């Protein structure tokens, strides 16, 4: 593999059932793909 070939690890991540695609914030930084995924918060009903 040359340094110009794309690498694909084929990784699938499960981030939760209630997470929408629009909630995930991707960014490419220093050659690394970083994903910001919101934490699930439990609502307290009083």
C-alpha atoms as a PDB file:
ATOM      1  CA  UNK A   1       0.000   0.000   0.000  1.00  0.00           C
ATOM      2  CA  UNK A   2       1.402   3.357  -0.969  1.00  0.00           C
ATOM      3  CA  UNK A   3       0.945   6.431   1.180  1.00  0.00           C
ATOM      4  CA  UNK A   4      -1.637   7.747  -1.310  1.00  0.00           C
ATOM      5  CA  UNK A   5      -4.020   4.796  -1.104  1.00  0.00           C
ATOM      6  CA  UNK A   6      -7.144   5.151   0.967  1.00  0.00           C
ATOM      7  CA  UNK A   7      -7.474   2.908   4.006  1.00  0.00           C
ATOM      8  CA  UNK A   8     -10.850   1.547   5.011  1.00  0.00           C
ATOM      9  CA  UNK A   9     -11.146  -0.319   8.285  1.00  0.00           C
ATOM     10  CA  UNK A  10     -14.836  -1.087   7.744  1.00  0.00           C
ATOM     11  CA  UNK A  11     -15.731  -0.122  11.296  1.00  0.00           C
ATOM     12  CA  UNK A  12     -19.388   0.202  12.284  1.00  0.00           C
ATOM     13  CA  UNK A  13     -20.201   2.071  15.489  1.00  0.00           C
ATOM     14  CA  UNK A  14     -23.452   1.807  17.418  1.00  0.00           C
ATOM     15  CA  UNK A  15     -24.159   5.163  19.089  1.00  0.00           C
ATOM     16  CA  UNK A  16     -27.639   4.531  20.459  1.00  0.00           C
ATOM     17  CA  UNK A  17     -31.204   4.108  19.356  1.00  0.00           C
ATOM     18  CA  UNK A  18     -32.322   7.717  19.791  1.00  0.00           C
ATOM     19  CA  UNK A  19     -29.401   9.411  18.022  1.00  0.00           C
ATOM     20  CA  UNK A  20     -30.226  10.961  14.651  1.00  0.00           C
ATOM     21  CA  UNK A  21     -27.690  11.424  11.860  1.00  0.00           C
ATOM     22  CA  UNK A  22     -28.095  15.201  12.104  1.00  0.00           C
ATOM     23  CA  UNK A  23     -27.004  15.066  15.783  1.00  0.00           C
ATOM     24  CA  UNK A  24     -23.565  13.629  14.937  1.00  0.00           C
ATOM     25  CA  UNK A  25     -20.937  16.305  14.237  1.00  0.00           C
ATOM     26  CA  UNK A  26     -17.983  14.986  12.184  1.00  0.00           C
ATOM     27  CA  UNK A  27     -14.695  16.819  11.660  1.00  0.00           C
ATOM     28  CA  UNK A  28     -11.449  15.885   9.968  1.00  0.00           C
ATOM     29  CA  UNK A  29      -8.477  17.039  12.027  1.00  0.00           C
ATOM     30  CA  UNK A  30      -4.787  16.245  11.477  1.00  0.00           C
ATOM     31  CA  UNK A  31      -5.592  13.252   9.291  1.00  0.00           C
ATOM     32  CA  UNK A  32      -8.078  11.783  11.780  1.00  0.00           C
ATOM     33  CA  UNK A  33     -11.853  11.663  11.491  1.00  0.00           C
ATOM     34  CA  UNK A  34     -13.415  12.714  14.794  1.00  0.00           C
ATOM     35  CA  UNK A  35     -17.104  12.317  15.607  1.00  0.00           C
ATOM     36  CA  UNK A  36     -18.943  14.268  18.283  1.00  0.00           C
ATOM     37  CA  UNK A  37     -21.964  12.287  19.455  1.00  0.00           C
ATOM     38  CA  UNK A  38     -24.387  13.648  22.067  1.00  0.00           C
ATOM     39  CA  UNK A  39     -24.691  11.756  25.332  1.00  0.00           C
ATOM     40  CA  UNK A  40     -28.037  10.226  26.169  1.00  0.00           C
ATOM     41  CA  UNK A  41     -29.576  12.033  29.109  1.00  0.00           C
ATOM     42  CA  UNK A  42     -32.346  10.569  31.181  1.00  0.00           C
ATOM     43  CA  UNK A  43     -35.256  12.907  31.729  1.00  0.00           C
ATOM     44  CA  UNK A  44     -36.475  13.126  35.291  1.00  0.00           C
ATOM     45  CA  UNK A  45     -40.240  13.386  35.619  1.00  0.00           C
ATOM     46  CA  UNK A  46     -41.433  14.804  38.921  1.00  0.00           C
END
